[in-house]
Protein backbone atom coordinates (compact mmCIF):
# COMPACT_ATOMS: atom_id res chain seq x y z
CA MET A 1 -12.66 51.79 -116.10
CA GLY A 2 -15.59 52.84 -113.89
CA ARG A 3 -18.47 50.72 -112.74
CA LYS A 4 -21.75 51.54 -114.18
CA PHE A 5 -24.08 49.21 -112.29
CA PHE A 6 -22.34 47.52 -109.47
CA GLY A 7 -21.52 49.25 -106.22
CA THR A 8 -19.98 48.01 -102.90
CA ASP A 9 -22.77 45.52 -102.43
CA GLY A 10 -24.17 44.54 -105.79
CA ILE A 11 -26.59 46.64 -107.83
CA ARG A 12 -29.00 48.93 -105.83
CA GLY A 13 -31.41 51.70 -106.42
CA ARG A 14 -35.07 52.90 -106.42
CA THR A 15 -37.29 50.48 -108.19
CA ASN A 16 -38.36 51.45 -111.81
CA GLN A 17 -35.54 53.92 -111.97
CA ALA A 18 -32.26 53.08 -113.55
CA PRO A 19 -30.45 50.88 -112.83
CA MET A 20 -33.11 49.12 -110.82
CA THR A 21 -35.46 48.34 -113.58
CA ALA A 22 -36.88 45.16 -115.03
CA ASP A 23 -34.89 45.63 -118.24
CA VAL A 24 -31.59 45.87 -116.29
CA ALA A 25 -32.54 42.79 -114.17
CA MET A 26 -33.06 40.82 -117.29
CA GLN A 27 -29.74 42.05 -118.78
CA VAL A 28 -27.99 41.04 -115.49
CA GLY A 29 -29.53 37.54 -115.83
CA GLN A 30 -28.49 37.23 -119.42
CA ALA A 31 -24.89 38.55 -118.75
CA ALA A 32 -24.33 36.58 -115.54
CA GLY A 33 -25.88 33.56 -116.98
CA THR A 34 -23.63 33.75 -120.07
CA TYR A 35 -20.53 34.33 -117.97
CA PHE A 36 -21.20 31.23 -115.80
CA LEU A 37 -22.07 28.93 -118.69
CA ARG A 38 -18.99 26.74 -118.39
CA GLY A 39 -18.69 23.05 -119.19
CA VAL A 40 -21.24 20.71 -120.70
CA HIS A 41 -23.44 20.09 -117.59
CA ARG A 42 -26.98 21.48 -117.17
CA HIS A 43 -26.51 24.87 -115.57
CA ARG A 44 -28.45 26.19 -112.72
CA VAL A 45 -28.94 29.37 -110.77
CA VAL A 46 -30.62 29.83 -107.43
CA ILE A 47 -32.71 32.96 -106.87
CA GLY A 48 -33.96 34.22 -103.49
CA LYS A 49 -35.50 37.52 -102.47
CA ASP A 50 -36.71 39.53 -99.57
CA THR A 51 -40.31 40.69 -99.10
CA ARG A 52 -40.40 43.90 -101.10
CA LEU A 53 -43.42 44.33 -103.51
CA SER A 54 -40.96 44.84 -106.36
CA GLY A 55 -39.49 41.52 -105.74
CA TYR A 56 -41.96 39.71 -107.98
CA MET A 57 -41.10 42.00 -110.96
CA MET A 58 -37.32 41.69 -110.47
CA GLU A 59 -37.55 37.93 -109.91
CA SER A 60 -39.60 37.48 -113.13
CA ALA A 61 -37.26 39.60 -115.14
CA MET A 62 -34.19 37.75 -113.95
CA VAL A 63 -35.92 34.36 -114.62
CA ALA A 64 -36.48 35.57 -118.27
CA GLY A 65 -32.81 36.59 -118.56
CA PHE A 66 -31.35 33.43 -117.21
CA THR A 67 -33.61 30.99 -119.07
CA SER A 68 -33.12 32.85 -122.36
CA VAL A 69 -29.40 32.05 -122.24
CA GLY A 70 -29.93 28.43 -121.28
CA MET A 71 -29.78 28.36 -117.42
CA ASP A 72 -32.27 26.52 -115.31
CA VAL A 73 -33.63 28.52 -112.35
CA VAL A 74 -34.38 27.32 -108.89
CA LEU A 75 -36.71 29.80 -107.07
CA LEU A 76 -36.50 29.95 -103.19
CA GLY A 77 -39.03 32.76 -102.53
CA PRO A 78 -38.39 35.02 -99.51
CA MET A 79 -35.12 33.80 -97.96
CA PRO A 80 -32.25 35.49 -96.19
CA THR A 81 -29.20 36.41 -98.15
CA PRO A 82 -26.98 33.91 -96.27
CA ALA A 83 -29.50 31.15 -97.06
CA VAL A 84 -29.15 31.84 -100.83
CA ALA A 85 -25.37 31.66 -100.46
CA MET A 86 -25.67 28.33 -98.49
CA LEU A 87 -28.24 26.88 -100.97
CA THR A 88 -26.13 27.87 -103.95
CA ARG A 89 -23.49 25.51 -102.68
CA ASP A 90 -25.91 22.94 -101.37
CA LEU A 91 -27.72 22.67 -104.73
CA ARG A 92 -24.46 22.56 -106.75
CA ALA A 93 -25.54 25.66 -108.65
CA ASP A 94 -23.30 27.71 -110.88
CA LEU A 95 -24.67 30.98 -109.56
CA GLY A 96 -26.75 32.43 -106.79
CA VAL A 97 -28.88 35.62 -106.81
CA MET A 98 -30.35 37.58 -103.89
CA ILE A 99 -33.03 40.30 -104.79
CA SER A 100 -32.95 42.73 -101.90
CA ALA A 101 -31.98 46.25 -100.86
CA SER A 102 -31.00 45.11 -97.40
CA HIS A 103 -31.82 47.79 -94.91
CA ASN A 104 -33.08 50.30 -97.43
CA PRO A 105 -36.85 51.35 -97.62
CA PHE A 106 -39.34 49.20 -99.58
CA ALA A 107 -39.19 51.40 -102.69
CA ASP A 108 -35.59 50.40 -103.30
CA ASN A 109 -34.40 47.05 -104.47
CA GLY A 110 -31.04 45.39 -105.34
CA ILE A 111 -29.32 42.50 -106.83
CA LYS A 112 -26.47 40.57 -105.10
CA LEU A 113 -24.65 37.71 -106.99
CA PHE A 114 -22.80 34.67 -105.51
CA GLY A 115 -20.41 32.35 -107.25
CA PRO A 116 -20.72 28.56 -107.09
CA ASP A 117 -18.67 28.58 -103.95
CA GLY A 118 -21.29 30.79 -102.12
CA TYR A 119 -19.03 33.84 -101.98
CA LYS A 120 -19.92 37.22 -103.45
CA LEU A 121 -18.28 37.88 -106.80
CA SER A 122 -15.01 39.75 -107.11
CA ASP A 123 -14.75 43.26 -108.54
CA LYS A 124 -13.13 41.70 -111.63
CA THR A 125 -16.06 39.28 -112.22
CA GLU A 126 -18.58 42.04 -111.78
CA MET A 127 -16.73 44.17 -114.28
CA GLU A 128 -16.85 41.32 -116.75
CA ILE A 129 -20.59 40.97 -116.27
CA GLU A 130 -21.04 44.67 -116.79
CA ARG A 131 -19.06 44.42 -120.03
CA LEU A 132 -21.34 41.53 -121.22
CA MET A 133 -24.41 43.74 -120.32
CA GLU A 134 -23.25 46.28 -122.90
CA GLU A 135 -23.31 43.65 -125.68
CA PRO A 136 -26.18 41.94 -127.37
CA ALA A 137 -27.26 38.80 -125.34
CA THR A 138 -26.30 35.45 -126.86
CA LEU A 139 -29.77 33.77 -126.90
CA ILE A 140 -29.97 30.02 -126.83
CA ASP A 141 -31.73 27.88 -129.36
CA ALA A 142 -35.41 27.26 -128.51
CA PRO A 143 -35.05 23.50 -127.39
CA LYS A 144 -32.23 24.60 -124.95
CA ILE A 145 -34.12 27.36 -123.13
CA GLY A 146 -33.86 26.99 -119.33
CA ARG A 147 -36.58 25.86 -117.04
CA ALA A 148 -37.78 27.36 -113.74
CA LYS A 149 -38.75 25.51 -110.63
CA ARG A 150 -39.68 26.41 -107.10
CA ILE A 151 -38.46 24.27 -104.16
CA ASP A 152 -40.67 23.91 -101.19
CA ASP A 153 -38.25 22.81 -98.47
CA ALA A 154 -35.72 25.75 -98.70
CA ARG A 155 -36.94 27.13 -95.38
CA GLY A 156 -36.39 23.85 -93.52
CA ARG A 157 -33.05 23.36 -95.09
CA TYR A 158 -31.82 26.68 -93.88
CA VAL A 159 -33.36 26.38 -90.39
CA GLN A 160 -31.60 22.99 -89.97
CA PHE A 161 -28.27 24.46 -91.16
CA ALA A 162 -28.55 27.45 -88.86
CA LYS A 163 -29.32 25.28 -85.87
CA SER A 164 -26.33 23.04 -86.68
CA THR A 165 -23.98 25.98 -85.78
CA PHE A 166 -25.49 26.07 -82.28
CA PRO A 167 -23.43 23.89 -79.71
CA HIS A 168 -24.99 20.57 -79.40
CA HIS A 169 -24.60 20.45 -75.62
CA LEU A 170 -26.58 23.62 -75.10
CA ARG A 171 -30.34 24.48 -75.19
CA LEU A 172 -32.23 27.73 -74.90
CA ASP A 173 -34.77 26.35 -72.32
CA GLY A 174 -35.79 29.10 -69.97
CA LEU A 175 -34.73 31.94 -72.12
CA LYS A 176 -37.18 34.57 -73.35
CA VAL A 177 -35.97 35.94 -76.71
CA VAL A 178 -37.54 38.81 -78.77
CA ILE A 179 -36.66 38.50 -82.41
CA ASP A 180 -37.30 41.37 -84.87
CA CYS A 181 -37.24 40.23 -88.45
CA ALA A 182 -37.86 43.69 -89.97
CA ASN A 183 -40.86 42.32 -91.94
CA GLY A 184 -38.06 40.94 -94.22
CA ALA A 185 -36.52 37.81 -95.58
CA ALA A 186 -36.06 35.99 -92.26
CA TYR A 187 -39.64 36.39 -90.98
CA HIS A 188 -40.46 32.71 -91.24
CA VAL A 189 -37.08 31.10 -90.43
CA ALA A 190 -35.52 33.08 -87.60
CA PRO A 191 -38.29 32.64 -85.07
CA ASP A 192 -38.60 29.00 -85.96
CA ALA A 193 -34.87 28.20 -85.47
CA ILE A 194 -34.77 29.88 -82.11
CA TRP A 195 -37.97 28.28 -80.90
CA GLU A 196 -36.81 24.79 -82.06
CA LEU A 197 -33.73 25.22 -79.81
CA GLY A 198 -36.02 25.71 -76.83
CA ALA A 199 -36.49 29.40 -76.31
CA ASP A 200 -39.69 31.23 -75.55
CA VAL A 201 -39.91 33.43 -78.66
CA ILE A 202 -41.69 36.73 -79.02
CA PRO A 203 -41.60 37.59 -82.79
CA LEU A 204 -41.77 41.07 -84.19
CA GLY A 205 -41.70 42.24 -87.78
CA THR A 206 -43.04 38.93 -89.06
CA LYS A 207 -46.05 40.24 -91.08
CA PRO A 208 -44.65 41.56 -94.46
CA ASP A 209 -47.00 43.20 -96.81
CA GLY A 210 -44.58 44.21 -99.52
CA LEU A 211 -44.44 47.79 -98.29
CA ASN A 212 -43.41 47.56 -94.52
CA ILE A 213 -39.94 46.03 -94.85
CA ASN A 214 -37.47 47.90 -92.40
CA ASP A 215 -40.36 50.29 -91.55
CA LYS A 216 -39.86 51.31 -87.95
CA CYS A 217 -38.56 47.88 -87.25
CA GLY A 218 -35.38 45.76 -87.63
CA SER A 219 -31.75 46.51 -86.96
CA THR A 220 -31.91 50.06 -88.22
CA ALA A 221 -34.85 50.97 -85.97
CA PRO A 222 -34.53 49.01 -82.73
CA GLU A 223 -36.92 51.22 -80.66
CA LEU A 224 -39.80 48.71 -80.77
CA LEU A 225 -37.45 45.87 -79.93
CA ARG A 226 -36.08 47.87 -76.90
CA GLU A 227 -39.59 48.55 -75.67
CA THR A 228 -40.79 45.00 -76.15
CA VAL A 229 -37.74 43.43 -74.41
CA VAL A 230 -38.18 45.54 -71.35
CA ALA A 231 -42.01 45.31 -71.23
CA SER A 232 -41.87 41.48 -71.58
CA GLY A 233 -38.98 40.84 -69.21
CA ALA A 234 -37.09 39.20 -72.04
CA ASP A 235 -33.42 38.10 -71.52
CA LEU A 236 -32.34 39.29 -74.85
CA GLY A 237 -33.59 40.95 -78.13
CA LEU A 238 -32.27 40.23 -81.60
CA ALA A 239 -32.88 42.57 -84.65
CA LEU A 240 -32.23 41.50 -88.19
CA ASP A 241 -32.38 43.76 -91.30
CA GLY A 242 -34.40 43.18 -94.41
CA ASP A 243 -32.26 40.40 -95.90
CA ALA A 244 -31.05 39.14 -92.52
CA ASP A 245 -27.30 39.41 -93.12
CA ARG A 246 -26.83 41.84 -90.23
CA LEU A 247 -27.60 41.69 -86.51
CA ILE A 248 -28.07 44.23 -83.74
CA VAL A 249 -28.72 43.02 -80.17
CA VAL A 250 -30.59 44.61 -77.21
CA ASP A 251 -29.84 43.47 -73.68
CA GLU A 252 -32.45 42.84 -70.96
CA LYS A 253 -32.33 46.55 -69.92
CA GLY A 254 -33.13 47.80 -73.40
CA GLN A 255 -29.61 48.93 -74.22
CA VAL A 256 -28.62 48.53 -77.94
CA VAL A 257 -25.43 46.46 -78.59
CA ASP A 258 -23.68 47.10 -81.92
CA GLY A 259 -21.60 44.84 -84.13
CA ASP A 260 -18.33 45.87 -82.52
CA GLN A 261 -19.32 44.58 -79.05
CA LEU A 262 -20.70 41.40 -80.70
CA MET A 263 -17.42 40.83 -82.61
CA GLY A 264 -15.44 41.43 -79.48
CA LEU A 265 -17.48 38.86 -77.51
CA ILE A 266 -17.29 36.18 -80.23
CA ALA A 267 -13.56 36.76 -80.86
CA LEU A 268 -12.54 36.68 -77.19
CA SER A 269 -14.81 33.63 -76.55
CA GLN A 270 -13.19 31.80 -79.46
CA HIS A 271 -9.74 32.83 -78.45
CA GLN A 272 -10.44 31.47 -74.90
CA HIS A 273 -11.64 28.18 -76.46
CA GLY A 274 -8.66 27.99 -78.89
CA THR A 275 -10.89 28.16 -82.01
CA LEU A 276 -9.94 31.78 -83.20
CA ARG A 277 -7.76 31.59 -86.22
CA GLY A 278 -5.21 33.96 -87.63
CA GLY A 279 -4.38 35.80 -84.39
CA GLY A 280 -7.21 38.31 -84.57
CA ILE A 281 -10.21 39.61 -86.55
CA VAL A 282 -11.12 41.75 -89.50
CA SER A 283 -13.30 44.76 -89.18
CA THR A 284 -13.62 48.00 -91.12
CA VAL A 285 -12.25 51.46 -90.83
CA MET A 286 -15.55 52.29 -89.05
CA SER A 287 -15.03 50.00 -86.08
CA ASN A 288 -14.39 51.64 -82.68
CA LEU A 289 -10.91 52.15 -81.39
CA GLY A 290 -12.02 50.68 -78.12
CA LEU A 291 -12.44 47.25 -79.77
CA GLU A 292 -9.00 47.51 -81.22
CA ARG A 293 -7.56 48.33 -77.77
CA LYS A 294 -9.53 45.53 -76.01
CA LEU A 295 -8.32 42.91 -78.49
CA GLY A 296 -4.81 44.24 -78.16
CA GLU A 297 -4.91 43.52 -74.44
CA ALA A 298 -5.55 39.88 -75.25
CA GLY A 299 -2.70 39.86 -77.72
CA LEU A 300 -5.03 39.87 -80.67
CA ASP A 301 -4.90 42.07 -83.82
CA MET A 302 -7.60 43.90 -85.49
CA HIS A 303 -7.14 44.44 -89.27
CA ARG A 304 -9.22 47.17 -90.84
CA SER A 305 -10.60 46.68 -94.30
CA ALA A 306 -12.62 49.01 -96.57
CA VAL A 307 -16.27 49.32 -95.73
CA GLY A 308 -18.45 46.56 -96.99
CA ASP A 309 -18.74 42.95 -95.81
CA ARG A 310 -17.30 41.69 -99.10
CA TYR A 311 -14.02 43.48 -98.38
CA VAL A 312 -14.02 42.09 -94.82
CA LEU A 313 -14.48 38.65 -96.25
CA GLU A 314 -11.68 39.08 -98.81
CA ALA A 315 -9.27 40.11 -95.99
CA MET A 316 -10.42 37.26 -93.79
CA ARG A 317 -9.68 34.73 -96.55
CA GLU A 318 -6.30 36.30 -97.26
CA MET A 319 -5.27 36.31 -93.60
CA ARG A 320 -7.03 33.00 -92.81
CA ARG A 321 -9.11 34.45 -90.12
CA ASN A 322 -12.53 33.11 -89.17
CA VAL A 323 -14.15 36.05 -87.37
CA GLY A 324 -14.90 39.56 -89.04
CA GLY A 325 -17.56 42.06 -89.52
CA GLU A 326 -18.74 45.56 -89.37
CA GLN A 327 -20.04 47.91 -86.62
CA SER A 328 -23.39 47.93 -88.42
CA GLY A 329 -23.91 44.30 -87.49
CA HIS A 330 -22.56 42.30 -90.40
CA ILE A 331 -20.83 39.41 -88.60
CA ILE A 332 -19.10 36.93 -90.79
CA LEU A 333 -18.17 33.63 -89.09
CA SER A 334 -16.38 31.80 -91.91
CA ASP A 335 -16.40 28.42 -90.00
CA HIS A 336 -20.19 28.44 -90.76
CA ALA A 337 -20.98 30.80 -93.64
CA THR A 338 -19.58 32.64 -96.70
CA THR A 339 -21.29 35.91 -95.96
CA GLY A 340 -22.76 37.87 -93.01
CA ASP A 341 -25.50 35.92 -91.29
CA GLY A 342 -27.54 37.64 -88.70
CA LEU A 343 -29.27 34.47 -87.43
CA ILE A 344 -26.16 32.41 -87.08
CA ALA A 345 -24.36 35.34 -85.34
CA GLY A 346 -27.48 35.66 -83.03
CA LEU A 347 -27.24 31.96 -82.13
CA GLN A 348 -23.62 32.33 -81.18
CA ILE A 349 -24.50 35.16 -78.86
CA LEU A 350 -27.40 33.16 -77.35
CA ALA A 351 -24.90 30.22 -76.87
CA ALA A 352 -22.54 32.49 -75.00
CA LEU A 353 -25.34 33.88 -72.87
CA VAL A 354 -26.43 30.38 -71.81
CA ASP A 355 -22.83 29.22 -71.26
CA SER A 356 -21.92 32.20 -69.14
CA GLY A 357 -24.93 32.36 -66.89
CA LYS A 358 -24.57 36.09 -66.88
CA PRO A 359 -27.18 38.66 -67.79
CA ALA A 360 -26.85 40.12 -71.28
CA SER A 361 -26.12 43.56 -70.00
CA GLU A 362 -23.00 42.21 -68.32
CA LEU A 363 -21.88 39.80 -70.95
CA LEU A 364 -22.33 42.07 -73.96
CA HIS A 365 -20.35 45.09 -72.58
CA VAL A 366 -17.03 43.80 -73.77
CA PHE A 367 -15.18 47.07 -74.08
CA GLU A 368 -15.62 50.81 -73.29
CA PRO A 369 -16.22 52.58 -76.61
CA VAL A 370 -14.13 55.58 -77.48
CA PRO A 371 -16.31 58.61 -78.27
CA GLN A 372 -17.25 58.24 -81.97
CA LEU A 373 -19.59 60.34 -84.09
CA LEU A 374 -20.86 59.53 -87.58
CA LYS A 375 -23.00 61.92 -89.68
CA ASN A 376 -24.25 61.63 -93.16
CA VAL A 377 -24.35 64.55 -95.63
CA ARG A 378 -26.67 64.13 -98.67
CA PHE A 379 -25.41 65.54 -102.03
CA ASN A 380 -27.05 66.05 -105.38
CA GLY A 381 -24.11 65.31 -107.65
CA GLY A 382 -20.61 66.55 -108.22
CA ALA A 383 -17.58 65.62 -106.06
CA PRO A 384 -17.66 67.53 -102.90
CA LEU A 385 -14.63 65.62 -101.49
CA GLU A 386 -12.44 66.95 -104.32
CA GLN A 387 -13.12 70.60 -103.53
CA ASP A 388 -10.03 72.38 -102.26
CA LYS A 389 -11.84 74.03 -99.48
CA VAL A 390 -13.22 70.76 -98.28
CA LYS A 391 -9.77 69.12 -98.54
CA ALA A 392 -8.27 71.87 -96.49
CA ILE A 393 -10.73 71.56 -93.78
CA ILE A 394 -10.35 67.79 -93.65
CA ALA A 395 -6.51 68.24 -93.42
CA GLY A 396 -6.89 70.62 -90.54
CA ALA A 397 -9.22 68.23 -88.65
CA GLU A 398 -6.70 65.43 -89.13
CA SER A 399 -3.87 67.57 -87.88
CA GLU A 400 -5.94 68.57 -84.78
CA LEU A 401 -6.75 65.00 -83.92
CA GLY A 402 -3.19 63.84 -84.38
CA ASP A 403 -2.58 60.50 -82.65
CA ARG A 404 -5.49 61.01 -80.23
CA GLY A 405 -8.10 59.61 -82.64
CA ARG A 406 -9.14 58.79 -86.16
CA LEU A 407 -11.03 60.47 -88.95
CA VAL A 408 -12.84 58.47 -91.70
CA ILE A 409 -14.61 60.28 -94.61
CA ARG A 410 -16.06 58.29 -97.52
CA LYS A 411 -18.69 58.26 -100.09
CA SER A 412 -21.47 55.71 -99.57
CA GLY A 413 -21.47 53.00 -102.11
CA THR A 414 -25.27 52.51 -102.05
CA GLU A 415 -26.77 56.12 -101.52
CA PRO A 416 -25.87 59.72 -102.55
CA LEU A 417 -24.24 60.40 -99.12
CA ILE A 418 -20.87 61.43 -97.77
CA ARG A 419 -20.21 59.78 -94.42
CA VAL A 420 -18.16 61.63 -91.96
CA MET A 421 -16.85 59.82 -88.94
CA ALA A 422 -14.45 60.87 -86.18
CA GLU A 423 -13.45 59.29 -82.95
CA GLY A 424 -11.18 60.18 -80.09
CA ASP A 425 -10.84 60.42 -76.31
CA ASP A 426 -12.10 64.05 -76.39
CA ALA A 427 -15.84 63.86 -77.21
CA GLU A 428 -16.13 67.57 -77.60
CA MET A 429 -13.35 67.76 -80.15
CA VAL A 430 -14.84 64.88 -82.06
CA GLU A 431 -18.27 66.50 -82.39
CA ARG A 432 -16.67 69.93 -83.39
CA LEU A 433 -14.57 68.35 -86.15
CA VAL A 434 -17.41 66.29 -87.60
CA ASP A 435 -19.79 69.29 -87.66
CA ARG A 436 -17.05 71.50 -89.35
CA ILE A 437 -16.49 68.94 -92.04
CA CYS A 438 -20.23 68.32 -92.67
CA GLU A 439 -20.85 71.91 -93.10
CA ALA A 440 -18.06 72.23 -95.60
CA VAL A 441 -19.36 69.30 -97.59
CA ALA A 442 -22.91 70.55 -97.50
CA ALA A 443 -21.78 73.93 -98.81
CA ALA A 444 -19.54 72.56 -101.64
């Protein structure tokens, strides 16, 4: 059975176009609320959002859905996705909701759901919620309709939680840190947490207006961060995305450091201190071969999951590993969090910087990346990857690469894109093969 609403990371789309409409949001609230109505206690759902204009509309629709089936609602306002996961557990809620389209433009929005344990829902649970969405809602009797309440100290709770993951014997005194919050969900919490630990903080992307989230800022557009780090003589720059579950770093020279290098640093540091569990990390099929080789030199394994931080986390739990993530900057540190957390990952990088005494440009260059090229091809429907001509070209490329590299081709779970990635020691071959496949997909 196919999935009508949920993709690789919840439900996502352009606002006021199916499936990202107020009607669907209310249906999700009713269906998810019904699914999690278990036991005789008073049921509760926690709802957070990022700073998109459409967040007000989607939030109100979901409140209507949840309360109509008998769930009380706790509203957090703009808060990072990992904060919602944490507060779902902390408030003993039955369900958590994050209204966000992550790194997408402001016109998009999305819905992510967390279970009472703070983990994203399984495919099986999402399918059951979809099934309930297709049925008439079971509305509660009038006296049992849920209530909605905003809590005022959510920001402080999360800031304190994030700071608790930073080593107690270290401080950030003397460090100048630029933090780009993408005009998103962490605009008020990330600078505060870093400042409270002693750093001189230069904030960027902290003036959301509902329309400027991820607009020329944040982890997907680090140019302003690079310029600011160099111009201000900062020691490090951190860039979050719209819902603050991913992190990209810029060193003092303005060089961008991706999630693979960050995972490598954290994993090798934990291995050295004896706190890395499971004999390695979990990454995705998109992570650079250079990282795999570097970890192998230290006797560590790198397990590759499907793309999506939820799949990384599933593998981490199965393999009992406590470090995982994606090249895009989703870093999951399960000793601290149940999902990717850009601020917590950033604090671990800052701790390593202070502890080492090295400049960021030296510390963060953990391995030499293998030449890798990723291109996206937009399509307008159909199934280009099922065309015989496209299949033949892909097979030819795989044969030419052989054991000298890797080829990964997949359909995006959030956008109408085919992602084509190749890597290998021969950069010219990599570029030629990616271009050949992209041309075939575009023409299909």
